[in-house]
Amino acid sequence: MARYIGAVCRLCRREEEKLFLKGQRCMTKMCPITRRPEKKRAIIPGQHGAQKKKVSEYGLQLREKQKAKRIYGVLEVQFRNYFEIAANTSGVTGENLLRLLELRLDNVVYRLGLGRSRTEARQVVRHNHVTVNGKKVNIPSYELKAGDVVAIKEKSFSRQRFKDILDITGARVVPEWLSADQGNLRGTVLSAPARDQIDTAVRETLIVELYSK
């Protein structure tokens, strides 16, 4: 599966806001969005970054799509597939799209505090540390549903890695649609998330407008 392997701080600079792609680092003064002088924060990466132009309606829609892709670590083809599924599901398309992204296994591992960032959560899944309902699952895009139990394998319990992760994520607020038992490195999906239970700063209506052209 293809994935972005470049510098992720550039992605935050391009969107001109924190996307929280590097876990704890994003909360410190080391974050480029925080440490850059205010006048320079709006300068996007690249040769022509300082040349500010008026953003068109299409440009706003495109940026919102790019932001969502980067937050959840999804590339274009997969993101488009998610949109088509959302559009063919009853309900509000934009909300369906965010719900599908939130129910990805790597995102749930991150939300439960078993990864400092979605990138690390994806790695935890790929390295065979995670089980779903007692069975090993190493597919980050695996779609969870209400009642599924996500846990770290018992063989991985004693790893220093997870102790270090919990030292950072122990105070993280777990969404209402999840139940976390961090002491046992596990959690349960209580229900599919409603829109007001998803705190991702994405205007999904702009994405819907973009793909509806």
Protein backbone atom coordinates (compact mmCIF):
# COMPACT_ATOMS: atom_id res chain seq x y z
CA MET A 1 0.00 0.00 0.00
CA ALA A 2 1.44 3.37 -1.00
CA ARG A 3 1.86 6.00 1.69
CA TYR A 4 3.38 9.44 2.15
CA ILE A 5 6.94 9.23 3.50
CA GLY A 6 8.00 12.87 3.22
CA ALA A 7 8.37 15.50 5.92
CA VAL A 8 4.99 15.78 7.64
CA CYS A 9 5.58 19.22 9.14
CA ARG A 10 5.43 20.59 5.59
CA LEU A 11 1.87 19.31 5.37
CA CYS A 12 0.83 21.35 8.40
CA ARG A 13 2.55 24.41 6.96
CA ARG A 14 0.77 23.91 3.66
CA GLU A 15 -2.62 23.81 5.37
CA GLU A 16 -1.54 26.70 7.63
CA GLU A 17 -2.70 24.89 10.77
CA LYS A 18 -1.75 22.01 13.03
CA LEU A 19 -2.82 18.62 11.74
CA PHE A 20 -1.26 16.81 14.74
CA LEU A 21 0.72 14.40 12.57
CA LYS A 22 3.68 13.95 14.95
CA GLY A 23 1.97 13.25 18.25
CA GLN A 24 3.46 14.96 21.31
CA ARG A 25 5.85 17.10 19.26
CA CYS A 26 2.84 19.01 17.91
CA MET A 27 2.04 20.13 21.46
CA THR A 28 5.50 21.58 22.13
CA LYS A 29 7.41 24.65 21.03
CA MET A 30 9.19 22.48 18.44
CA CYS A 31 6.09 22.56 16.22
CA PRO A 32 6.88 24.75 13.16
CA ILE A 33 3.41 26.30 13.30
CA THR A 34 4.11 27.45 16.86
CA ARG A 35 7.72 28.54 16.58
CA ARG A 36 7.57 30.42 13.28
CA PRO A 37 6.94 34.18 13.55
CA GLU A 38 3.30 35.05 12.89
CA LYS A 39 4.10 36.79 9.61
CA LYS A 40 5.82 33.67 8.28
CA ARG A 41 3.20 31.11 9.32
CA ALA A 42 1.15 31.83 6.23
CA ILE A 43 4.12 31.23 3.90
CA ILE A 44 3.50 27.80 2.46
CA PRO A 45 6.37 25.43 1.57
CA GLY A 46 7.86 25.57 -1.91
CA GLN A 47 9.45 28.01 -4.33
CA HIS A 48 6.35 30.17 -4.70
CA GLY A 49 5.13 29.97 -1.12
CA ALA A 50 5.47 33.69 -0.42
CA GLN A 51 3.30 34.68 -3.37
CA LYS A 52 -0.14 35.02 -1.80
CA LYS A 53 -3.02 34.66 -4.23
CA LYS A 54 -6.73 34.94 -3.82
CA VAL A 55 -8.14 31.47 -3.19
CA SER A 56 -11.01 30.44 -5.44
CA GLU A 57 -14.04 28.42 -4.36
CA TYR A 58 -12.47 25.36 -5.98
CA GLY A 59 -9.23 26.08 -4.12
CA LEU A 60 -11.03 26.12 -0.77
CA GLN A 61 -12.73 22.81 -1.56
CA LEU A 62 -9.45 21.23 -2.67
CA ARG A 63 -7.61 22.36 0.45
CA GLU A 64 -10.31 20.87 2.67
CA LYS A 65 -10.03 17.54 0.88
CA GLN A 66 -6.24 17.59 1.15
CA LYS A 67 -6.47 18.41 4.85
CA ALA A 68 -8.79 15.45 5.52
CA LYS A 69 -6.55 13.08 3.56
CA ARG A 70 -3.48 14.20 5.47
CA ILE A 71 -5.09 14.03 8.91
CA TYR A 72 -6.22 10.44 8.39
CA GLY A 73 -3.20 9.34 6.34
CA VAL A 74 -5.21 8.32 3.28
CA LEU A 75 -4.09 8.78 -0.33
CA GLU A 76 -6.27 9.94 -3.23
CA VAL A 77 -7.65 6.68 -4.66
CA GLN A 78 -8.59 5.30 -1.25
CA PHE A 79 -10.12 8.61 -0.20
CA ARG A 80 -12.21 8.69 -3.38
CA ASN A 81 -13.40 5.15 -2.66
CA TYR A 82 -14.48 6.22 0.81
CA PHE A 83 -16.44 9.10 -0.71
CA GLU A 84 -18.24 6.81 -3.16
CA ILE A 85 -19.22 4.47 -0.32
CA ALA A 86 -20.43 7.46 1.72
CA ALA A 87 -22.44 8.80 -1.22
CA ASN A 88 -24.15 5.44 -1.72
CA THR A 89 -25.03 5.06 1.96
CA SER A 90 -28.24 6.48 3.38
CA GLY A 91 -27.76 9.67 5.40
CA VAL A 92 -25.66 12.80 4.97
CA THR A 93 -22.74 12.09 2.63
CA GLY A 94 -20.21 14.28 4.42
CA GLU A 95 -21.00 12.79 7.80
CA ASN A 96 -20.88 9.28 6.35
CA LEU A 97 -17.41 10.05 4.96
CA LEU A 98 -16.02 11.20 8.31
CA ARG A 99 -17.63 8.23 10.02
CA LEU A 100 -15.89 5.80 7.66
CA LEU A 101 -12.54 7.49 8.30
CA GLU A 102 -13.05 7.45 12.07
CA LEU A 103 -13.89 3.73 12.07
CA ARG A 104 -10.59 2.78 10.44
CA LEU A 105 -8.61 0.50 12.74
CA ASP A 106 -5.53 2.74 12.83
CA ASN A 107 -7.66 5.74 13.78
CA VAL A 108 -9.42 3.83 16.58
CA VAL A 109 -6.04 2.67 17.95
CA TYR A 110 -4.99 6.33 17.98
CA ARG A 111 -8.24 7.49 19.59
CA LEU A 112 -7.87 4.87 22.34
CA GLY A 113 -4.44 6.29 23.22
CA LEU A 114 -2.51 3.25 21.97
CA GLY A 115 -0.55 5.42 19.56
CA ARG A 116 0.86 8.93 19.98
CA SER A 117 -0.12 9.82 16.43
CA ARG A 118 -2.14 8.20 13.67
CA THR A 119 1.15 7.37 11.94
CA GLU A 120 2.38 5.47 14.98
CA ALA A 121 -1.00 3.79 15.40
CA ARG A 122 -0.78 2.63 11.77
CA GLN A 123 2.68 1.20 12.47
CA VAL A 124 1.42 -0.58 15.59
CA VAL A 125 -1.26 -2.24 13.47
CA ARG A 126 1.10 -3.15 10.63
CA HIS A 127 3.59 -4.71 13.07
CA ASN A 128 1.02 -7.27 14.23
CA HIS A 129 0.49 -5.89 17.74
CA VAL A 130 -3.31 -5.49 17.45
CA THR A 131 -6.22 -7.89 17.70
CA VAL A 132 -9.89 -7.31 16.90
CA ASN A 133 -12.29 -9.56 18.83
CA GLY A 134 -9.33 -11.78 19.74
CA LYS A 135 -8.06 -12.22 16.17
CA LYS A 136 -4.90 -10.61 14.80
CA VAL A 137 -5.57 -7.84 12.27
CA ASN A 138 -2.71 -5.98 10.58
CA ILE A 139 -4.70 -3.93 8.05
CA PRO A 140 -4.81 -0.23 9.08
CA SER A 141 -7.89 0.44 6.94
CA TYR A 142 -9.88 -2.42 8.50
CA GLU A 143 -13.40 -1.09 9.13
CA LEU A 144 -14.65 -1.55 12.68
CA LYS A 145 -18.26 -1.67 13.81
CA ALA A 146 -20.19 -1.32 17.06
CA GLY A 147 -19.27 -4.02 19.56
CA ASP A 148 -15.77 -4.70 18.21
CA VAL A 149 -13.04 -5.03 20.85
CA VAL A 150 -9.61 -3.69 19.91
CA ALA A 151 -6.64 -4.80 22.00
CA ILE A 152 -2.87 -5.04 22.04
CA LYS A 153 -1.70 -8.67 21.94
CA GLU A 154 -0.67 -10.13 25.29
CA LYS A 155 2.80 -10.90 23.92
CA SER A 156 3.29 -7.17 23.36
CA PHE A 157 2.11 -6.08 26.83
CA SER A 158 5.57 -5.94 28.35
CA ARG A 159 7.13 -3.89 25.56
CA GLN A 160 8.60 -0.60 26.75
CA ARG A 161 7.10 1.04 23.67
CA PHE A 162 3.55 0.84 25.00
CA LYS A 163 4.59 2.06 28.43
CA ASP A 164 6.13 5.11 26.78
CA ILE A 165 3.00 5.64 24.67
CA LEU A 166 0.69 5.56 27.69
CA ASP A 167 2.94 8.02 29.55
CA ILE A 168 2.08 10.52 26.81
CA THR A 169 -1.51 9.57 25.96
CA GLY A 170 -2.81 8.66 29.42
CA ALA A 171 -4.56 12.01 29.80
CA ARG A 172 -6.01 12.02 26.28
CA VAL A 173 -9.79 12.36 26.16
CA VAL A 174 -11.35 9.29 24.55
CA PRO A 175 -14.42 10.01 22.35
CA GLU A 176 -17.85 9.09 23.70
CA TRP A 177 -18.34 6.43 21.03
CA LEU A 178 -15.38 4.46 22.39
CA SER A 179 -14.71 2.81 25.74
CA ALA A 180 -11.04 2.61 26.72
CA ASP A 181 -9.31 0.32 29.21
CA GLN A 182 -5.76 1.61 28.92
CA GLY A 183 -4.57 -0.45 31.87
CA ASN A 184 -5.22 -3.57 29.81
CA LEU A 185 -4.33 -1.91 26.48
CA ARG A 186 -7.78 -2.44 24.99
CA GLY A 187 -10.98 -0.66 24.07
CA THR A 188 -14.43 -1.21 22.63
CA VAL A 189 -16.35 0.50 19.83
CA LEU A 190 -19.65 1.41 21.48
CA SER A 191 -21.30 2.84 18.38
CA ALA A 192 -20.60 4.53 15.09
CA PRO A 193 -19.67 8.18 15.83
CA ALA A 194 -22.18 10.98 15.31
CA ARG A 195 -20.92 14.18 13.69
CA ASP A 196 -20.85 16.09 16.98
CA GLN A 197 -18.63 13.35 18.44
CA ILE A 198 -15.93 13.87 15.80
CA ASP A 199 -13.57 16.70 16.72
CA THR A 200 -11.62 16.72 13.45
CA ALA A 201 -11.53 20.27 12.08
CA VAL A 202 -12.74 19.41 8.59
CA ARG A 203 -15.59 21.11 6.72
CA GLU A 204 -16.91 18.00 5.02
CA THR A 205 -19.53 19.93 3.01
CA LEU A 206 -16.72 21.46 0.94
CA ILE A 207 -15.41 17.98 0.12
CA VAL A 208 -18.86 16.89 -0.98
CA GLU A 209 -19.15 19.97 -3.20
CA LEU A 210 -15.75 19.22 -4.75
CA TYR A 211 -16.58 15.64 -5.68
CA SER A 212 -20.08 16.61 -6.85
CA LYS A 213 -18.78 18.82 -9.67
